[in-house]
Amino acid sequence: MCTKLGLDKNRPVILVGGGGWGLGDLGRITSLLSEMPDNPQIVVVTGINSGLRDRLKKLFITRKNVKVLGYITDMHHYMMAADVMVTKPGGLTSSEGTSLGLPMVLFDVLFGQESWNARFLTDHGAAVKCSSIEEIPVMVRCILNDKSRRDEMSRRALSIGKPLAGVRAGEVVLKLAAESK
């Protein structure tokens, strides 16, 4: 997948996102991650926030290890290529990430659904939650440098993922529709 996306398969890939709206201080997070000594590849997805995309592209124009994207329809491909994802724990991101066995580092968790998702993911060992932006590169580095930990987080994510949930929900809706006739 790395080759298909123009990424180096021999270097770690960190996927950074703030959900469909590109929420959170993605610029600061990316800046801290891009300064890591291991020189990882960082892919930042800003979703529909085109202003943020444009600002980050300008900000990181000289950083060869940073790729900034806006709204994309192949997020699952980037998740498949990533070694770890730094993200807010929204519903779709959490579902896709666990279905693909992607270890996650969570930040800026909002009250409500995101806090419930964060607790579920951390309780099951699929993610770690950072209390500050400065903590993110430390946690990412720990995961990247400890293959057994990364593999365990991936296994745990897969164990709670529901890759066919959408298909099953569609089947239930069709069944209910047929029964109501």
C-alpha atoms as a PDB file:
ATOM      1  CA  MET A   1       0.000   0.000   0.000  1.00  0.00           C
ATOM      2  CA  CYS A   2       2.901   2.362   0.749  1.00  0.00           C
ATOM      3  CA  THR A   3       4.144   2.064  -2.819  1.00  0.00           C
ATOM      4  CA  LYS A   4       0.668   2.770  -4.212  1.00  0.00           C
ATOM      5  CA  LEU A   5       0.442   5.933  -2.069  1.00  0.00           C
ATOM      6  CA  GLY A   6       3.970   7.143  -2.852  1.00  0.00           C
ATOM      7  CA  LEU A   7       5.317   6.379   0.610  1.00  0.00           C
ATOM      8  CA  ASP A   8       8.586   4.675   1.547  1.00  0.00           C
ATOM      9  CA  LYS A   9       7.755   1.206   2.887  1.00  0.00           C
ATOM     10  CA  ASN A  10      11.066   1.133   4.787  1.00  0.00           C
ATOM     11  CA  ARG A  11      10.229   4.143   6.984  1.00  0.00           C
ATOM     12  CA  PRO A  12       7.481   4.408   9.596  1.00  0.00           C
ATOM     13  CA  VAL A  13       4.234   6.098   8.553  1.00  0.00           C
ATOM     14  CA  ILE A  14       2.299   8.232  11.033  1.00  0.00           C
ATOM     15  CA  LEU A  15      -1.205   9.166   9.948  1.00  0.00           C
ATOM     16  CA  VAL A  16      -2.554  12.354  11.560  1.00  0.00           C
ATOM     17  CA  GLY A  17      -6.189  13.398  11.405  1.00  0.00           C
ATOM     18  CA  GLY A  18      -8.746  15.518  13.147  1.00  0.00           C
ATOM     19  CA  GLY A  19     -11.856  13.857  11.772  1.00  0.00           C
ATOM     20  CA  GLY A  20     -13.810  15.018   8.755  1.00  0.00           C
ATOM     21  CA  TRP A  21     -13.569  18.650   9.874  1.00  0.00           C
ATOM     22  CA  GLY A  22      -9.845  18.640  10.624  1.00  0.00           C
ATOM     23  CA  LEU A  23     -10.281  19.547  14.295  1.00  0.00           C
ATOM     24  CA  GLY A  24      -7.454  19.961  16.762  1.00  0.00           C
ATOM     25  CA  ASP A  25      -4.083  21.664  16.492  1.00  0.00           C
ATOM     26  CA  LEU A  26      -2.899  19.528  13.582  1.00  0.00           C
ATOM     27  CA  GLY A  27      -0.175  22.058  12.737  1.00  0.00           C
ATOM     28  CA  ARG A  28       1.473  21.826  16.158  1.00  0.00           C
ATOM     29  CA  ILE A  29       1.068  18.052  16.277  1.00  0.00           C
ATOM     30  CA  THR A  30       2.615  17.656  12.826  1.00  0.00           C
ATOM     31  CA  SER A  31       5.447  20.017  13.697  1.00  0.00           C
ATOM     32  CA  LEU A  32       6.350  18.000  16.796  1.00  0.00           C
ATOM     33  CA  LEU A  33       6.118  14.680  14.943  1.00  0.00           C
ATOM     34  CA  SER A  34       8.174  15.936  11.986  1.00  0.00           C
ATOM     35  CA  GLU A  35      11.031  16.753  14.376  1.00  0.00           C
ATOM     36  CA  MET A  36      11.263  13.201  15.717  1.00  0.00           C
ATOM     37  CA  PRO A  37      14.801  11.832  15.329  1.00  0.00           C
ATOM     38  CA  ASP A  38      13.661   8.725  13.427  1.00  0.00           C
ATOM     39  CA  ASN A  39      12.483  10.921  10.510  1.00  0.00           C
ATOM     40  CA  PRO A  40       9.116   9.186  10.092  1.00  0.00           C
ATOM     41  CA  GLN A  41       6.771   9.912   7.211  1.00  0.00           C
ATOM     42  CA  ILE A  42       3.785  11.937   8.336  1.00  0.00           C
ATOM     43  CA  VAL A  43       0.546  12.046   6.384  1.00  0.00           C
ATOM     44  CA  VAL A  44      -1.871  14.720   7.613  1.00  0.00           C
ATOM     45  CA  VAL A  45      -5.510  14.564   6.508  1.00  0.00           C
ATOM     46  CA  THR A  46      -7.494  17.754   7.130  1.00  0.00           C
ATOM     47  CA  GLY A  47     -10.840  16.523   5.824  1.00  0.00           C
ATOM     48  CA  ILE A  48     -13.149  19.244   4.477  1.00  0.00           C
ATOM     49  CA  ASN A  49     -11.099  21.971   6.180  1.00  0.00           C
ATOM     50  CA  SER A  50      -9.469  23.305   2.996  1.00  0.00           C
ATOM     51  CA  GLY A  51      -8.169  26.429   4.769  1.00  0.00           C
ATOM     52  CA  LEU A  52      -6.232  24.259   7.210  1.00  0.00           C
ATOM     53  CA  ARG A  53      -4.968  22.100   4.351  1.00  0.00           C
ATOM     54  CA  ASP A  54      -3.643  25.165   2.527  1.00  0.00           C
ATOM     55  CA  ARG A  55      -2.008  26.599   5.682  1.00  0.00           C
ATOM     56  CA  LEU A  56      -0.315  23.288   6.512  1.00  0.00           C
ATOM     57  CA  LYS A  57       0.913  22.804   2.948  1.00  0.00           C
ATOM     58  CA  LYS A  58       2.610  26.212   3.122  1.00  0.00           C
ATOM     59  CA  LEU A  59       3.919  25.589   6.633  1.00  0.00           C
ATOM     60  CA  PHE A  60       5.487  22.232   5.759  1.00  0.00           C
ATOM     61  CA  ILE A  61       6.500  22.925   2.150  1.00  0.00           C
ATOM     62  CA  THR A  62      10.194  22.334   2.949  1.00  0.00           C
ATOM     63  CA  ARG A  63       9.625  19.209   5.062  1.00  0.00           C
ATOM     64  CA  LYS A  64      10.157  16.211   2.819  1.00  0.00           C
ATOM     65  CA  ASN A  65       8.730  13.848   5.431  1.00  0.00           C
ATOM     66  CA  VAL A  66       5.301  15.579   5.618  1.00  0.00           C
ATOM     67  CA  LYS A  67       2.459  15.008   3.170  1.00  0.00           C
ATOM     68  CA  VAL A  68      -0.660  17.169   3.650  1.00  0.00           C
ATOM     69  CA  LEU A  69      -3.987  16.073   2.189  1.00  0.00           C
ATOM     70  CA  GLY A  70      -7.480  17.516   2.358  1.00  0.00           C
ATOM     71  CA  TYR A  71     -10.657  15.520   1.926  1.00  0.00           C
ATOM     72  CA  ILE A  72      -9.884  12.054   0.556  1.00  0.00           C
ATOM     73  CA  THR A  73     -12.040   9.078  -0.373  1.00  0.00           C
ATOM     74  CA  ASP A  74      -9.354   6.455   0.229  1.00  0.00           C
ATOM     75  CA  MET A  75      -8.654   7.002   3.932  1.00  0.00           C
ATOM     76  CA  HIS A  76      -8.683   3.239   4.430  1.00  0.00           C
ATOM     77  CA  HIS A  77      -5.652   2.956   2.142  1.00  0.00           C
ATOM     78  CA  TYR A  78      -3.702   5.428   4.260  1.00  0.00           C
ATOM     79  CA  MET A  79      -4.798   3.574   7.383  1.00  0.00           C
ATOM     80  CA  MET A  80      -3.541   0.323   5.863  1.00  0.00           C
ATOM     81  CA  ALA A  81      -0.155   1.949   5.142  1.00  0.00           C
ATOM     82  CA  ALA A  82       0.181   3.596   8.562  1.00  0.00           C
ATOM     83  CA  ASP A  83       2.065   2.150  11.514  1.00  0.00           C
ATOM     84  CA  VAL A  84       0.163   4.371  13.961  1.00  0.00           C
ATOM     85  CA  MET A  85      -2.571   6.997  13.749  1.00  0.00           C
ATOM     86  CA  VAL A  86      -2.760  10.194  15.780  1.00  0.00           C
ATOM     87  CA  THR A  87      -6.407  11.188  15.851  1.00  0.00           C
ATOM     88  CA  LYS A  88      -9.535  12.291  17.611  1.00  0.00           C
ATOM     89  CA  PRO A  89     -11.681   9.246  18.437  1.00  0.00           C
ATOM     90  CA  GLY A  90     -14.692   9.957  16.263  1.00  0.00           C
ATOM     91  CA  GLY A  91     -17.027   7.120  15.356  1.00  0.00           C
ATOM     92  CA  LEU A  92     -15.923   6.499  11.766  1.00  0.00           C
ATOM     93  CA  THR A  93     -12.224   6.871  12.496  1.00  0.00           C
ATOM     94  CA  SER A  94     -12.461   4.534  15.492  1.00  0.00           C
ATOM     95  CA  SER A  95     -14.468   1.964  13.526  1.00  0.00           C
ATOM     96  CA  GLU A  96     -12.188   1.998  10.502  1.00  0.00           C
ATOM     97  CA  GLY A  97      -9.038   1.983  12.617  1.00  0.00           C
ATOM     98  CA  THR A  98     -10.072  -1.019  14.694  1.00  0.00           C
ATOM     99  CA  SER A  99     -11.270  -2.914  11.627  1.00  0.00           C
ATOM    100  CA  LEU A 100      -7.809  -2.474  10.111  1.00  0.00           C
ATOM    101  CA  GLY A 101      -5.894  -3.161  13.341  1.00  0.00           C
ATOM    102  CA  LEU A 102      -4.384   0.312  13.459  1.00  0.00           C
ATOM    103  CA  PRO A 103      -2.848   1.391  16.797  1.00  0.00           C
ATOM    104  CA  MET A 104      -4.126   4.857  17.723  1.00  0.00           C
ATOM    105  CA  VAL A 105      -2.843   7.771  19.781  1.00  0.00           C
ATOM    106  CA  LEU A 106      -5.780   9.937  20.828  1.00  0.00           C
ATOM    107  CA  PHE A 107      -5.816  13.681  21.521  1.00  0.00           C
ATOM    108  CA  ASP A 108      -8.304  16.489  22.303  1.00  0.00           C
ATOM    109  CA  VAL A 109     -11.087  14.065  23.180  1.00  0.00           C
ATOM    110  CA  LEU A 110     -14.454  15.835  23.285  1.00  0.00           C
ATOM    111  CA  PHE A 111     -17.126  15.045  25.852  1.00  0.00           C
ATOM    112  CA  GLY A 112     -19.818  12.598  24.768  1.00  0.00           C
ATOM    113  CA  GLN A 113     -19.292  10.117  21.961  1.00  0.00           C
ATOM    114  CA  GLU A 114     -15.558  10.811  21.638  1.00  0.00           C
ATOM    115  CA  SER A 115     -14.943  10.270  25.352  1.00  0.00           C
ATOM    116  CA  TRP A 116     -16.894   6.996  25.239  1.00  0.00           C
ATOM    117  CA  ASN A 117     -14.940   5.873  22.155  1.00  0.00           C
ATOM    118  CA  ALA A 118     -11.632   6.837  23.794  1.00  0.00           C
ATOM    119  CA  ARG A 119     -12.453   4.877  26.920  1.00  0.00           C
ATOM    120  CA  PHE A 120     -13.511   1.831  24.899  1.00  0.00           C
ATOM    121  CA  LEU A 121     -10.360   1.925  22.758  1.00  0.00           C
ATOM    122  CA  THR A 122      -7.973   2.459  25.681  1.00  0.00           C
ATOM    123  CA  ASP A 123      -9.734  -0.078  27.919  1.00  0.00           C
ATOM    124  CA  HIS A 124      -9.249  -2.673  25.181  1.00  0.00           C
ATOM    125  CA  GLY A 125      -5.600  -1.747  24.553  1.00  0.00           C
ATOM    126  CA  ALA A 126      -6.140  -0.540  20.972  1.00  0.00           C
ATOM    127  CA  ALA A 127      -5.215   3.073  21.747  1.00  0.00           C
ATOM    128  CA  VAL A 128      -3.470   5.377  24.177  1.00  0.00           C
ATOM    129  CA  LYS A 129      -4.812   8.789  25.165  1.00  0.00           C
ATOM    130  CA  CYS A 130      -2.557  11.808  25.506  1.00  0.00           C
ATOM    131  CA  SER A 131      -3.357  14.561  27.956  1.00  0.00           C
ATOM    132  CA  SER A 132      -1.298  17.155  26.063  1.00  0.00           C
ATOM    133  CA  ILE A 133      -0.046  17.730  22.528  1.00  0.00           C
ATOM    134  CA  GLU A 134       3.552  17.594  23.768  1.00  0.00           C
ATOM    135  CA  GLU A 135       2.954  14.028  24.937  1.00  0.00           C
ATOM    136  CA  ILE A 136       1.980  12.820  21.439  1.00  0.00           C
ATOM    137  CA  PRO A 137       5.470  12.347  19.922  1.00  0.00           C
ATOM    138  CA  VAL A 138       6.619  10.523  23.070  1.00  0.00           C
ATOM    139  CA  MET A 139       3.722   8.046  22.831  1.00  0.00           C
ATOM    140  CA  VAL A 140       4.119   7.641  19.063  1.00  0.00           C
ATOM    141  CA  ARG A 141       7.832   6.962  19.449  1.00  0.00           C
ATOM    142  CA  CYS A 142       7.155   4.370  22.175  1.00  0.00           C
ATOM    143  CA  ILE A 143       4.746   2.542  19.881  1.00  0.00           C
ATOM    144  CA  LEU A 144       6.996   2.754  16.810  1.00  0.00           C
ATOM    145  CA  ASN A 145      10.098   1.613  18.701  1.00  0.00           C
ATOM    146  CA  ASP A 146       8.411  -1.319  20.433  1.00  0.00           C
ATOM    147  CA  LYS A 147       7.275  -3.787  17.774  1.00  0.00           C
ATOM    148  CA  SER A 148       5.740  -6.176  20.295  1.00  0.00           C
ATOM    149  CA  ARG A 149       3.666  -3.346  21.782  1.00  0.00           C
ATOM    150  CA  ARG A 150       2.598  -2.170  18.320  1.00  0.00           C
ATOM    151  CA  ASP A 151       1.664  -5.710  17.315  1.00  0.00           C
ATOM    152  CA  GLU A 152      -0.304  -6.192  20.544  1.00  0.00           C
ATOM    153  CA  MET A 153      -2.205  -2.926  20.023  1.00  0.00           C
ATOM    154  CA  SER A 154      -2.956  -3.989  16.468  1.00  0.00           C
ATOM    155  CA  ARG A 155      -4.189  -7.396  17.605  1.00  0.00           C
ATOM    156  CA  ARG A 156      -6.383  -5.806  20.254  1.00  0.00           C
ATOM    157  CA  ALA A 157      -7.807  -3.323  17.744  1.00  0.00           C
ATOM    158  CA  LEU A 158      -8.663  -6.162  15.376  1.00  0.00           C
ATOM    159  CA  SER A 159     -10.322  -8.071  18.220  1.00  0.00           C
ATOM    160  CA  ILE A 160     -12.842  -5.259  18.767  1.00  0.00           C
ATOM    161  CA  GLY A 161     -13.196  -4.157  15.138  1.00  0.00           C
ATOM    162  CA  LYS A 162     -16.369  -4.886  13.223  1.00  0.00           C
ATOM    163  CA  PRO A 163     -15.361  -4.706   9.551  1.00  0.00           C
ATOM    164  CA  LEU A 164     -18.756  -5.815   8.223  1.00  0.00           C
ATOM    165  CA  ALA A 165     -20.898  -3.638  10.502  1.00  0.00           C
ATOM    166  CA  GLY A 166     -22.150  -1.499   7.601  1.00  0.00           C
ATOM    167  CA  VAL A 167     -23.185  -4.544   5.589  1.00  0.00           C
ATOM    168  CA  ARG A 168     -24.932  -6.071   8.581  1.00  0.00           C
ATOM    169  CA  ALA A 169     -26.779  -2.821   9.326  1.00  0.00           C
ATOM    170  CA  GLY A 170     -27.911  -2.642   5.701  1.00  0.00           C
ATOM    171  CA  GLU A 171     -29.177  -6.207   5.861  1.00  0.00           C
ATOM    172  CA  VAL A 172     -31.211  -5.407   8.989  1.00  0.00           C
ATOM    173  CA  VAL A 173     -32.727  -2.330   7.344  1.00  0.00           C
ATOM    174  CA  LEU A 174     -33.659  -4.311   4.230  1.00  0.00           C
ATOM    175  CA  LYS A 175     -35.166  -7.081   6.344  1.00  0.00           C
ATOM    176  CA  LEU A 176     -37.228  -4.590   8.370  1.00  0.00           C
ATOM    177  CA  ALA A 177     -38.373  -2.851   5.192  1.00  0.00           C
ATOM    178  CA  ALA A 178     -39.462  -6.179   3.666  1.00  0.00           C
ATOM    179  CA  GLU A 179     -41.319  -7.135   6.857  1.00  0.00           C
ATOM    180  CA  SER A 180     -43.203  -3.839   6.984  1.00  0.00           C
ATOM    181  CA  LYS A 181     -44.842  -4.345   3.577  1.00  0.00           C
END
